[in-house]
Amino acid sequence: MRAAIYARFSSDLQDLRSIADQVDLARRYAETRSLSVVEVYDDAAISGASILNRPGLLRLITDAQARKFDVIITESLDRLSRSQADIAALYERLQFFGVRIETLADGAVSEIHVGLKGTMSALFLKDLAQKTRRGQIGRVKAGRIPGGKSYGYEVVKDGDERGRRTISPAEADIVKRIFREYATGKGPLAIVRDLNREGVPGPTGRHWNASALLGSPKRRNGILNNELYVGQIVYNRQRFLKDPATGKRISRENPETEWHRQSAPELRISDDRTWELVQRRRAERGGPHLYQRRPQRPLSGLIYCGACGAKFIVATHDYLRCSARTNRGTCQISRTLLMGEVEQRVLLALRNYLLAPDVVASAVEAYQAERKCLAEERRRSRHKLEAAATEVERKIARLLTLVENGHADPVATGPRINELVAERKRLAAALSQQPASNVLEFFPKAADRYREKVADIHAALSRGEAGDREAIAVVRSLIGRIVVHATSAPEPLGLEVEGSLAALMSDAPELEHSGISCCMSPQPILLYVTDNPI
C-alpha cells in the first residue's frame, strides 16, 4: 500500500532536525508494515491550532482527494491538528477519500482516538496559553518586558536576564526631544520631517513616519502613548484569537481592568510634567491626526461673547464678531472687535498687572499654600493606607497563629486568609502608586520663574505669529477664555480674561488651583486671585 508521511513542529525555538527525526521514525514504521512511502509533507514552525495556514497539510489533503496514497503516517494525531473541530473534520474527509491515518503510538486511528486525542490536544493548547500568560505576568512583576523592544531601550542579552531592558542614551535623547517638541506645539509631521532631514535613524533603522509617534491612543501604542517612557510596564492590553474561518490571528482589546501594571523607575525617560502635557494635547486633538492645525494668532479660538456664550469669529480681515450674530442673527451684540486690539489690551494687562508686586506676592502665597495642602492630603492618604496594611498583616498573623495552635479549622479559615492576602496585595499596589511625600516648602525661585514666564508671554504676543512656539503655548495654557462684554459706543468693548496662574508658578502638573481673572476696560483693570480655577 502507498503511504504518505506528514511531519510538523510549531516553535521557532525548534529546528528542521525535528522534521527529519519525525520522518525517519515514520519511515521505519512504514518498513515494519510493508508500506511504500510515496511522498513526504511537512510544515515547519507553524502552530497546529488551525489547518488553514499550513501549506504542507493543505497539499496533503489535495493529494489525498486525488488518491495518490492510501494511508497517512504521522508521529501523533496532534501533528495533524491540535484543534478538536479541525481534527474531527479532517478525519471525516480522509475517510470519505478512502485514506486512513496511522500514528507511531496508536497505529490505525479510529473515532475513539479522534475524540479522546482531540480533546486532550485542545486542553493542552488552553493549558499552554494559561501557563505562558502566567509566566509573562511573572516576568512583568519582576520588571521584565515580555514583548518587543521599544525605541529608546536596548535588550539585555543575558540568558538569566531575559526580558530585561536598559535605556539607550542616544535614542532616549530623541524620545525626550519628540516629547518636548510635541508638548510645545510642534506637529508630528514637522517633528519627523526634521528628524529625517538630520539623518536620525527611526525605530526600524530607516526613515521616521508620523505614525511611529502617533500610534493608536486607544491601544496605547506609538511613542507618544508608550507609558514605558514614564517608568510603567503595561501588559495584557490585548489578546490574540484564531479566526476559525481563516486561521489568522486577530487581536482583541482587553478591558483596562485586566491590564497588568508594574512600576519600573529605572526605565523612565520622560518627566511627568511633559508626559501629561503630551497626553492632554493628544486628547484635545481627538485622534491620530497627522496634520495639526495651529492657531493663526496667539489668542485665536479663545474669545467668547459675554451675552450669548458663542465664539467670536473672523467677520472680515482681522475684525471679529459674535458667531451667533453672524450666522443666526440671534445675538444682540453687533459690534466688531479688531484682533490686534484684543492682543494689545491683553498684553497691556499681562505686562502692567501680572508683574505688579502685590499680584506676584498673592500668586506666590497661593502657590505655596496649595503645595502644602496637596502634600498634606497625600501624607494623610498614605498614612491611612499604611494603617490599613498594618491591620491586615495583624489579622493574617492572628489567623495563622490560631491555625498553628489548633484553635481554628484550616479549611474554614482558608477563604478568610485568602481574602486578607488579596487585600494586602491591593494595599501594597496602592502604596506603590503613592510614594512617601513630605510637606513641600515654598521654592525660593518661584517668584523669579513667574516673572520670567510673564516676560516670555510679553515677547511672544509682541511677535505675534512669529512668536516663540513654547511661549505662545504658555499664553494659551494660562488663558482659559476671553469674554467680550457689550458697552455703549464709542467706548471699547469690555474684555474679561479667565485663566490659571499655575502655568506661571511651576512645572508641577498637579498645581492648577490658583485662578486669575482680569477685567479689562477703559477704567483701571481689576485683578484678583481666587482659591479655585475660574
Protein backbone atom coordinates (compact mmCIF):
# COMPACT_ATOMS: atom_id res chain seq x y z
CA MET A 1 0.00 0.00 0.00
CA ARG A 2 1.10 3.54 -0.72
CA ALA A 3 1.83 5.74 2.25
CA ALA A 4 2.43 9.45 2.80
CA ILE A 5 4.31 10.90 5.76
CA TYR A 6 3.36 14.15 7.49
CA ALA A 7 5.63 15.96 9.97
CA ARG A 8 5.32 19.30 11.75
CA PHE A 9 6.84 21.37 14.54
CA SER A 10 5.33 24.55 15.92
CA SER A 11 8.02 26.65 17.57
CA ASP A 12 10.76 28.86 16.18
CA LEU A 13 12.89 27.56 19.04
CA GLN A 14 13.00 24.15 17.35
CA ASP A 15 14.76 23.45 14.06
CA LEU A 16 14.47 21.32 10.94
CA ARG A 17 16.05 18.37 12.73
CA SER A 18 12.67 17.85 14.41
CA ILE A 19 11.12 17.33 10.95
CA ALA A 20 13.93 14.96 9.93
CA ASP A 21 13.55 12.93 13.15
CA GLN A 22 9.79 12.57 12.67
CA VAL A 23 10.21 11.50 9.04
CA ASP A 24 12.92 8.98 9.95
CA LEU A 25 10.72 7.34 12.61
CA ALA A 26 7.76 7.28 10.20
CA ARG A 27 9.87 5.55 7.50
CA ARG A 28 10.87 2.85 9.98
CA TYR A 29 7.23 2.42 10.92
CA ALA A 30 6.33 2.02 7.22
CA GLU A 31 9.05 -0.58 6.68
CA THR A 32 7.80 -2.75 9.55
CA ARG A 33 4.33 -2.75 7.94
CA SER A 34 5.48 -3.17 4.34
CA LEU A 35 4.13 0.26 3.35
CA SER A 36 5.65 2.07 0.35
CA VAL A 37 6.34 5.76 1.11
CA VAL A 38 5.46 7.82 -1.99
CA GLU A 39 5.51 11.38 -0.60
CA VAL A 40 6.57 13.40 2.46
CA TYR A 41 4.69 16.53 3.57
CA ASP A 42 5.84 18.91 6.27
CA ASP A 43 5.16 22.30 7.91
CA ALA A 44 7.99 23.92 9.85
CA ALA A 45 7.48 26.39 12.73
CA ILE A 46 3.69 26.57 12.24
CA SER A 47 1.13 26.18 15.02
CA GLY A 48 -1.25 23.24 14.97
CA ALA A 49 -4.15 25.36 16.18
CA SER A 50 -5.52 25.62 12.63
CA ILE A 51 -5.16 23.73 9.36
CA LEU A 52 -5.80 26.75 7.13
CA ASN A 53 -2.37 28.31 7.43
CA ARG A 54 -0.30 25.16 6.70
CA PRO A 55 0.67 24.67 3.05
CA GLY A 56 2.08 21.18 3.65
CA LEU A 57 -1.12 19.86 5.18
CA LEU A 58 -3.31 21.54 2.57
CA ARG A 59 -1.24 19.92 -0.20
CA LEU A 60 -1.59 16.56 1.58
CA ILE A 61 -5.40 16.93 1.65
CA THR A 62 -5.46 17.79 -2.07
CA ASP A 63 -3.33 14.73 -2.93
CA ALA A 64 -5.47 12.51 -0.68
CA GLN A 65 -8.54 13.59 -2.61
CA ALA A 66 -6.69 12.59 -5.81
CA ARG A 67 -5.99 9.13 -4.26
CA LYS A 68 -2.20 9.46 -4.57
CA PHE A 69 -1.77 7.32 -1.42
CA ASP A 70 -3.80 5.03 0.81
CA VAL A 71 -2.55 5.80 4.32
CA ILE A 72 -1.04 8.79 6.16
CA ILE A 73 1.70 8.14 8.72
CA THR A 74 2.41 10.79 11.36
CA GLU A 75 4.14 10.79 14.74
CA SER A 76 0.93 11.56 16.66
CA LEU A 77 -2.53 12.85 15.94
CA ASP A 78 -1.69 16.33 17.23
CA ARG A 79 0.87 16.70 14.42
CA LEU A 80 -2.09 16.92 12.04
CA SER A 81 -4.02 19.35 14.25
CA ARG A 82 -4.50 20.35 17.88
CA SER A 83 -7.94 21.76 17.15
CA GLN A 84 -10.72 19.43 18.25
CA ALA A 85 -13.03 20.62 15.47
CA ASP A 86 -10.33 20.52 12.77
CA ILE A 87 -9.09 17.01 13.57
CA ALA A 88 -12.64 15.62 13.55
CA ALA A 89 -13.41 17.29 10.19
CA LEU A 90 -10.08 16.17 8.72
CA TYR A 91 -10.67 12.58 9.84
CA GLU A 92 -14.12 12.57 8.18
CA ARG A 93 -12.74 13.99 4.92
CA LEU A 94 -9.93 11.44 4.75
CA GLN A 95 -12.39 8.63 5.50
CA PHE A 96 -14.51 9.86 2.61
CA PHE A 97 -11.43 9.84 0.34
CA GLY A 98 -10.67 6.28 1.42
CA VAL A 99 -7.44 7.27 3.22
CA ARG A 100 -6.75 6.16 6.78
CA ILE A 101 -4.49 7.70 9.42
CA GLU A 102 -1.86 5.76 11.37
CA THR A 103 0.30 7.14 14.17
CA LEU A 104 3.51 5.74 15.65
CA ALA A 105 1.98 5.43 19.11
CA ASP A 106 -1.55 4.18 18.37
CA GLY A 107 -1.41 2.55 14.95
CA ALA A 108 -4.63 2.87 12.96
CA VAL A 109 -6.70 5.85 14.16
CA SER A 110 -10.42 5.42 14.88
CA GLU A 111 -13.25 7.69 16.02
CA ILE A 112 -12.30 6.95 19.63
CA HIS A 113 -8.77 8.23 19.08
CA VAL A 114 -10.09 11.34 17.34
CA GLY A 115 -12.47 12.12 20.21
CA LEU A 116 -10.05 11.45 23.08
CA LYS A 117 -6.84 12.76 21.50
CA GLY A 118 -8.65 15.76 20.02
CA THR A 119 -9.98 16.72 23.44
CA MET A 120 -6.55 16.25 25.02
CA SER A 121 -4.88 18.39 22.35
CA ALA A 122 -7.44 21.18 22.77
CA LEU A 123 -6.94 21.12 26.55
CA PHE A 124 -3.18 21.17 26.02
CA LEU A 125 -3.44 24.34 23.92
CA LYS A 126 -5.60 26.04 26.53
CA ASP A 127 -3.30 24.99 29.36
CA LEU A 128 -0.23 26.09 27.40
CA ALA A 129 -1.76 29.52 26.81
CA GLN A 130 -2.55 29.92 30.52
CA LYS A 131 0.96 28.86 31.54
CA THR A 132 2.52 31.19 29.00
CA ARG A 133 0.42 34.09 30.23
CA ARG A 134 1.21 33.29 33.86
CA GLY A 135 4.92 33.18 33.07
CA GLN A 136 4.74 36.52 31.27
CA ILE A 137 2.87 38.12 34.18
CA GLY A 138 5.62 36.85 36.46
CA ARG A 139 8.23 38.48 34.25
CA VAL A 140 6.27 41.75 34.33
CA LYS A 141 6.17 41.69 38.14
CA ALA A 142 9.95 41.18 38.10
CA GLY A 143 10.33 44.33 35.99
CA ARG A 144 10.91 42.44 32.74
CA ILE A 145 9.18 43.07 29.42
CA PRO A 146 7.59 40.03 27.67
CA GLY A 147 7.44 41.67 24.28
CA GLY A 148 9.34 43.51 21.59
CA LYS A 149 11.90 46.26 22.05
CA SER A 150 10.60 49.81 22.31
CA TYR A 151 12.56 52.68 20.79
CA GLY A 152 14.85 54.17 23.41
CA TYR A 153 15.87 50.88 25.00
CA GLU A 154 18.36 48.08 24.49
CA VAL A 155 17.76 44.38 25.15
CA VAL A 156 19.99 42.87 27.82
CA LYS A 157 21.48 39.82 26.09
CA ASP A 158 21.85 37.53 29.04
CA GLY A 159 20.14 34.17 29.42
CA ASP A 160 19.42 34.83 33.09
CA GLU A 161 18.11 38.37 32.39
CA ARG A 162 15.57 37.50 29.71
CA GLY A 163 13.15 40.37 29.08
CA ARG A 164 15.32 42.96 30.80
CA ARG A 165 15.85 46.35 29.17
CA THR A 166 18.29 49.21 29.62
CA ILE A 167 18.00 52.79 28.37
CA SER A 168 19.83 53.64 25.15
CA PRO A 169 21.25 57.14 25.83
CA ALA A 170 21.26 58.26 22.17
CA GLU A 171 17.70 57.08 21.47
CA ALA A 172 16.48 58.38 24.84
CA ASP A 173 17.62 61.88 23.82
CA ILE A 174 15.50 61.60 20.67
CA VAL A 175 12.49 60.45 22.72
CA LYS A 176 12.89 63.46 25.05
CA ARG A 177 13.16 65.75 22.04
CA ILE A 178 9.98 64.32 20.48
CA PHE A 179 8.02 64.73 23.72
CA ARG A 180 9.35 68.24 24.33
CA GLU A 181 8.62 69.50 20.81
CA TYR A 182 5.16 67.92 20.66
CA ALA A 183 4.26 69.31 24.11
CA THR A 184 5.20 72.83 22.99
CA GLY A 185 3.05 72.78 19.87
CA LYS A 186 5.11 71.23 17.11
CA GLY A 187 3.12 68.87 14.87
CA PRO A 188 4.10 65.19 14.32
CA LEU A 189 4.85 65.69 10.63
CA ALA A 190 7.12 68.62 11.39
CA ILE A 191 8.93 66.59 14.04
CA VAL A 192 9.61 63.58 11.80
CA ARG A 193 10.50 65.85 8.87
CA ASP A 194 13.27 67.44 10.95
CA LEU A 195 14.49 64.06 12.21
CA ASN A 196 14.67 62.69 8.68
CA ARG A 197 16.41 65.83 7.42
CA GLU A 198 19.04 65.43 10.15
CA GLY A 199 19.53 61.76 9.25
CA VAL A 200 18.35 60.37 12.60
CA PRO A 201 17.50 56.65 12.16
CA GLY A 202 13.91 55.73 13.04
CA PRO A 203 12.74 52.78 15.17
CA THR A 204 13.18 50.42 12.19
CA GLY A 205 16.60 51.84 11.38
CA ARG A 206 15.23 53.69 8.36
CA HIS A 207 13.14 56.85 7.94
CA TRP A 208 10.76 58.23 10.56
CA ASN A 209 7.00 58.17 9.98
CA ALA A 210 4.42 60.24 11.83
CA SER A 211 2.56 57.00 12.64
CA ALA A 212 5.54 55.90 14.75
CA LEU A 213 4.83 58.87 17.02
CA LEU A 214 1.03 58.84 17.00
CA GLY A 215 0.21 55.12 17.00
CA SER A 216 -3.21 54.43 18.46
CA PRO A 217 -4.25 56.23 21.67
CA LYS A 218 -6.87 53.52 22.25
CA ARG A 219 -4.34 50.69 22.10
CA ARG A 220 -1.64 52.81 23.74
CA ASN A 221 0.99 52.17 21.10
CA GLY A 222 3.21 54.71 19.35
CA ILE A 223 5.98 56.71 21.01
CA LEU A 224 3.66 59.44 22.34
CA ASN A 225 1.41 56.87 24.06
CA ASN A 226 4.03 54.46 25.44
CA GLU A 227 3.87 54.51 29.25
CA LEU A 228 7.24 52.78 29.47
CA TYR A 229 8.78 56.22 28.94
CA VAL A 230 7.44 57.26 32.37
CA GLY A 231 8.59 54.03 34.02
CA GLN A 232 5.38 51.98 33.73
CA ILE A 233 5.30 48.49 32.20
CA VAL A 234 1.79 47.73 30.91
CA TYR A 235 0.96 44.14 29.93
CA ASN A 236 -2.15 42.34 28.63
CA ARG A 237 -3.65 45.30 26.77
CA GLN A 238 -4.75 42.91 24.03
CA ARG A 239 -5.12 39.22 23.26
CA PHE A 240 -4.95 37.23 20.04
CA LEU A 241 -7.51 34.73 18.79
CA LYS A 242 -7.53 32.40 15.81
CA ASP A 243 -10.24 33.16 13.29
CA PRO A 244 -11.80 29.71 12.60
CA ALA A 245 -12.68 30.78 9.06
CA THR A 246 -9.21 31.94 8.02
CA GLY A 247 -6.79 30.55 10.61
CA LYS A 248 -5.30 34.02 11.05
CA ARG A 249 -4.58 35.65 14.38
CA ILE A 250 -6.94 38.51 15.21
CA SER A 251 -6.21 40.98 18.01
CA ARG A 252 -8.87 41.83 20.57
CA GLU A 253 -8.59 44.65 23.11
CA ASN A 254 -8.79 43.68 26.76
CA PRO A 255 -10.66 45.90 29.24
CA GLU A 256 -8.32 48.10 31.26
CA THR A 257 -9.30 46.22 34.43
CA GLU A 258 -7.39 43.20 33.06
CA TRP A 259 -4.20 45.12 32.32
CA HIS A 260 -1.15 44.39 34.46
CA ARG A 261 1.00 47.35 35.50
CA GLN A 262 4.41 47.33 37.08
CA SER A 263 6.48 50.31 38.10
CA ALA A 264 9.97 50.36 36.52
CA PRO A 265 11.53 53.70 37.53
CA GLU A 266 14.89 52.68 36.12
CA LEU A 267 13.34 52.79 32.62
CA ARG A 268 11.90 56.30 32.92
CA ILE A 269 12.89 58.67 30.10
CA SER A 270 10.23 61.42 30.22
CA ASP A 271 9.26 63.50 33.26
CA ASP A 272 5.66 63.50 34.45
CA ARG A 273 5.01 67.13 33.53
CA THR A 274 5.98 66.67 29.87
CA TRP A 275 4.10 63.36 29.67
CA GLU A 276 0.88 64.93 30.96
CA LEU A 277 1.19 67.89 28.59
CA VAL A 278 1.60 65.46 25.67
CA GLN A 279 -1.40 63.36 26.73
CA ARG A 280 -3.52 66.47 27.15
CA ARG A 281 -2.67 67.63 23.63
CA ARG A 282 -3.37 64.14 22.26
CA ALA A 283 -6.80 64.18 23.93
CA GLU A 284 -7.57 67.67 22.68
CA ARG A 285 -6.75 66.71 19.11
CA GLY A 286 -9.14 63.76 19.37
CA GLY A 287 -7.22 61.08 17.45
CA PRO A 288 -4.17 60.13 15.41
CA HIS A 289 -4.30 63.10 13.04
CA LEU A 290 -1.11 63.69 11.08
CA TYR A 291 -1.79 67.31 10.28
CA GLN A 292 -2.04 69.78 13.09
CA ARG A 293 -3.93 72.99 12.73
CA ARG A 294 -2.13 75.68 14.68
CA PRO A 295 -3.88 78.86 15.80
CA GLN A 296 -3.23 81.62 13.29
CA ARG A 297 -2.89 84.12 16.14
CA PRO A 298 -1.87 83.58 19.79
CA LEU A 299 -5.42 84.21 21.04
CA SER A 300 -7.37 82.54 18.22
CA GLY A 301 -10.28 80.44 19.45
CA LEU A 302 -10.20 81.86 22.99
CA ILE A 303 -12.61 84.80 22.52
CA TYR A 304 -16.28 84.34 23.56
CA CYS A 305 -19.37 86.50 23.62
CA GLY A 306 -20.45 87.59 27.09
CA ALA A 307 -24.10 87.94 26.01
CA CYS A 308 -24.78 84.53 24.44
CA GLY A 309 -21.63 82.44 25.05
CA ALA A 310 -20.85 81.88 21.35
CA LYS A 311 -17.33 82.26 19.98
CA PHE A 312 -16.13 85.39 18.27
CA ILE A 313 -15.09 84.58 14.69
CA VAL A 314 -13.44 86.49 11.88
CA ALA A 315 -16.05 88.59 10.08
CA THR A 316 -13.70 90.33 7.66
CA HIS A 317 -9.93 90.66 7.62
CA ASP A 318 -8.89 90.85 11.30
CA TYR A 319 -12.26 92.06 12.58
CA LEU A 320 -14.14 89.68 14.88
CA ARG A 321 -17.87 89.39 15.55
CA CYS A 322 -20.06 87.05 17.60
CA SER A 323 -20.70 83.88 15.55
CA ALA A 324 -24.32 83.72 16.76
CA ARG A 325 -24.86 87.25 15.41
CA THR A 326 -23.09 86.48 12.11
CA ASN A 327 -24.59 83.03 11.40
CA ARG A 328 -28.00 83.14 13.08
CA GLY A 329 -28.72 86.77 13.97
CA THR A 330 -29.72 85.74 17.49
CA CYS A 331 -27.18 87.80 19.49
CA GLN A 332 -27.71 91.46 20.38
CA ILE A 333 -24.00 92.37 20.25
CA SER A 334 -23.47 93.63 16.72
CA ARG A 335 -20.20 95.49 17.16
CA THR A 336 -16.95 94.13 15.76
CA LEU A 337 -13.61 93.83 17.53
CA LEU A 338 -10.16 94.04 15.99
CA MET A 339 -7.93 91.06 16.85
CA GLY A 340 -4.91 93.35 17.13
CA GLU A 341 -6.78 95.42 19.72
CA VAL A 342 -7.51 92.31 21.80
CA GLU A 343 -3.86 91.29 21.73
CA GLN A 344 -2.69 94.78 22.68
CA ARG A 345 -5.08 95.05 25.61
CA VAL A 346 -4.29 91.56 26.89
CA LEU A 347 -0.59 92.33 26.52
CA LEU A 348 -1.04 95.55 28.46
CA ALA A 349 -2.77 93.70 31.30
CA LEU A 350 -0.16 90.95 31.42
CA ARG A 351 2.69 93.44 31.33
CA ASN A 352 1.39 96.03 33.78
CA TYR A 353 -0.58 93.96 36.27
CA LEU A 354 0.72 90.40 36.39
CA LEU A 355 4.13 91.83 37.35
CA ALA A 356 2.70 94.16 39.97
CA PRO A 357 4.34 93.46 43.38
CA ASP A 358 1.05 92.77 45.15
CA VAL A 359 -0.08 90.36 42.41
CA VAL A 360 3.23 88.47 42.49
CA ALA A 361 3.05 88.25 46.29
CA SER A 362 -0.56 86.98 46.21
CA ALA A 363 0.20 84.43 43.49
CA VAL A 364 3.28 83.14 45.33
CA GLU A 365 1.34 82.89 48.58
CA ALA A 366 -1.48 80.94 46.89
CA TYR A 367 1.06 78.70 45.21
CA GLN A 368 2.84 77.93 48.48
CA ALA A 369 -0.43 77.24 50.30
CA GLU A 370 -1.65 74.93 47.53
CA ARG A 371 1.56 72.91 47.50
CA LYS A 372 1.42 72.45 51.27
CA CYS A 373 -2.26 71.49 51.09
CA LEU A 374 -1.66 68.89 48.37
CA ALA A 375 1.35 67.44 50.19
CA GLU A 376 -0.64 67.20 53.43
CA GLU A 377 -3.50 65.42 51.63
CA ARG A 378 -1.05 62.92 50.18
CA ARG A 379 0.52 62.38 53.59
CA ARG A 380 -2.86 61.69 55.21
CA SER A 381 -3.89 59.35 52.37
CA ARG A 382 -0.65 57.39 52.64
CA HIS A 383 -0.97 57.21 56.43
CA LYS A 384 -4.45 55.67 56.05
CA LEU A 385 -3.16 53.09 53.57
CA GLU A 386 -0.22 52.20 55.82
CA ALA A 387 -2.52 51.81 58.83
CA ALA A 388 -4.87 49.58 56.82
CA ALA A 389 -1.92 47.46 55.61
CA THR A 390 -0.67 47.05 59.20
CA GLU A 391 -4.13 45.96 60.35
CA VAL A 392 -4.38 43.37 57.54
CA GLU A 393 -0.97 41.95 58.47
CA ARG A 394 -2.11 41.70 62.10
CA LYS A 395 -5.28 39.81 61.13
CA ILE A 396 -3.36 37.38 58.89
CA ALA A 397 -0.80 36.70 61.64
CA ARG A 398 -3.58 36.12 64.20
CA LEU A 399 -5.44 33.63 61.98
CA LEU A 400 -2.25 31.72 61.18
CA THR A 401 -1.41 31.55 64.89
CA LEU A 402 -4.87 30.15 65.68
CA VAL A 403 -4.47 27.50 62.96
CA GLU A 404 -0.95 26.53 64.12
CA ASN A 405 -2.10 26.18 67.72
CA GLY A 406 -5.08 24.06 66.72
CA HIS A 407 -7.68 26.61 67.75
CA ALA A 408 -9.08 27.09 64.25
CA ASP A 409 -10.02 24.82 61.36
CA PRO A 410 -7.60 25.39 58.42
CA VAL A 411 -10.35 24.61 55.89
CA ALA A 412 -12.80 27.05 57.45
CA THR A 413 -10.27 29.87 57.84
CA GLY A 414 -8.68 29.37 54.42
CA PRO A 415 -11.14 31.58 52.46
CA ARG A 416 -10.78 34.40 55.01
CA ILE A 417 -6.99 34.24 54.83
CA ASN A 418 -7.19 34.37 51.03
CA GLU A 419 -9.38 37.47 51.25
CA LEU A 420 -6.89 39.16 53.58
CA VAL A 421 -3.95 38.25 51.32
CA ALA A 422 -5.79 39.76 48.35
CA GLU A 423 -6.46 42.90 50.39
CA ARG A 424 -2.77 43.06 51.34
CA LYS A 425 -1.81 42.95 47.66
CA ARG A 426 -4.31 45.69 46.83
CA LEU A 427 -2.98 47.96 49.57
CA ALA A 428 0.63 47.28 48.53
CA ALA A 429 -0.22 48.24 44.96
CA ALA A 430 -1.94 51.43 46.15
CA LEU A 431 1.09 52.35 48.28
CA SER A 432 3.47 51.74 45.38
CA GLN A 433 1.48 54.26 43.32
CA GLN A 434 1.69 56.82 46.12
CA PRO A 435 5.31 57.36 47.16
CA ALA A 436 6.10 58.90 50.51
CA SER A 437 5.79 62.70 50.37
CA ASN A 438 6.78 65.27 52.93
CA VAL A 439 5.18 68.68 53.09
CA LEU A 440 6.98 70.79 50.47
CA GLU A 441 8.12 74.26 51.44
CA PHE A 442 7.98 77.16 49.02
CA PHE A 443 10.74 77.08 46.44
CA PRO A 444 12.61 80.44 46.66
CA LYS A 445 12.94 80.91 42.90
CA ALA A 446 9.22 80.55 42.13
CA ALA A 447 8.75 84.33 42.02
CA ASP A 448 11.68 84.68 39.60
CA ARG A 449 10.25 81.89 37.43
CA TYR A 450 6.90 83.69 37.49
CA ARG A 451 8.47 86.93 36.21
CA GLU A 452 10.50 85.10 33.53
CA LYS A 453 7.42 83.38 32.12
CA VAL A 454 5.41 86.59 32.08
CA ALA A 455 8.29 88.18 30.15
CA ASP A 456 8.14 85.26 27.68
CA ILE A 457 4.41 85.86 27.23
CA HIS A 458 5.05 89.55 26.60
CA ALA A 459 7.68 88.77 23.96
CA ALA A 460 5.51 86.12 22.30
CA LEU A 461 2.49 88.39 21.99
CA SER A 462 4.69 91.18 20.69
CA ARG A 463 6.00 88.99 17.89
CA GLY A 464 2.52 87.62 17.08
CA GLU A 465 2.56 84.68 14.66
CA ALA A 466 6.35 84.69 14.55
CA GLY A 467 6.50 84.38 18.33
CA ASP A 468 8.26 81.58 20.10
CA ARG A 469 6.10 78.43 19.98
CA GLU A 470 6.71 77.49 23.60
CA ALA A 471 5.92 80.96 24.93
CA ILE A 472 2.69 81.08 22.92
CA ALA A 473 1.81 77.67 24.38
CA VAL A 474 2.25 79.21 27.86
CA VAL A 475 -0.12 82.01 26.86
CA ARG A 476 -2.80 79.57 25.77
CA SER A 477 -2.36 77.40 28.88
CA LEU A 478 -2.63 80.49 31.09
CA ILE A 479 -5.74 81.92 29.42
CA GLY A 480 -8.88 79.80 29.59
CA ARG A 481 -11.00 82.22 27.59
CA ILE A 482 -11.54 85.92 26.88
CA VAL A 483 -15.13 87.11 27.38
CA VAL A 484 -16.36 90.15 25.41
CA HIS A 485 -18.91 92.36 27.18
CA ALA A 486 -21.14 94.91 25.44
CA THR A 487 -20.58 98.63 26.04
CA SER A 488 -22.12 101.77 24.57
CA ALA A 489 -20.31 103.20 21.55
CA PRO A 490 -17.84 104.78 21.26
CA GLU A 491 -16.42 103.06 24.36
CA PRO A 492 -14.30 99.98 23.55
CA LEU A 493 -15.93 96.61 24.21
CA GLY A 494 -15.16 95.25 27.66
CA LEU A 495 -12.83 92.26 27.93
CA GLU A 496 -12.57 89.76 30.76
CA VAL A 497 -9.75 87.22 30.78
CA GLU A 498 -10.25 83.97 32.67
CA GLY A 499 -7.39 81.58 33.33
CA SER A 500 -4.97 79.96 35.75
CA LEU A 501 -1.69 81.14 37.30
CA ALA A 502 -0.42 77.57 37.82
CA ALA A 503 1.38 77.55 34.45
CA LEU A 504 3.48 80.52 35.61
CA MET A 505 4.37 79.19 39.02
CA SER A 506 5.90 75.77 38.49
CA ASP A 507 6.26 72.79 36.18
CA ALA A 508 4.30 70.64 38.66
CA PRO A 509 1.19 69.41 36.73
CA GLU A 510 -0.96 68.99 39.82
CA LEU A 511 -0.90 72.70 40.68
CA GLU A 512 -3.81 74.10 38.73
CA HIS A 513 -5.92 75.54 41.52
CA SER A 514 -4.80 79.20 41.67
CA GLY A 515 -7.07 81.20 39.38
CA ILE A 516 -6.83 84.68 37.91
CA SER A 517 -9.38 86.97 36.33
CA CYS A 518 -8.58 90.29 34.63
CA CYS A 519 -11.46 92.61 33.77
CA MET A 520 -10.10 94.97 31.11
CA SER A 521 -11.92 98.15 30.22
CA PRO A 522 -11.01 101.81 29.70
CA GLN A 523 -11.11 102.15 33.51
CA PRO A 524 -8.40 100.68 35.80
CA ILE A 525 -8.21 96.88 35.47
CA LEU A 526 -9.39 94.83 38.45
CA LEU A 527 -7.10 91.86 39.11
CA TYR A 528 -7.74 89.28 41.83
CA VAL A 529 -6.55 85.80 42.78
CA THR A 530 -9.09 83.12 43.72
CA ASP A 531 -8.79 79.83 45.58
CA ASN A 532 -10.26 77.80 42.73
CA PRO A 533 -9.69 77.86 38.97
CA ILE A 534 -12.13 80.08 37.05
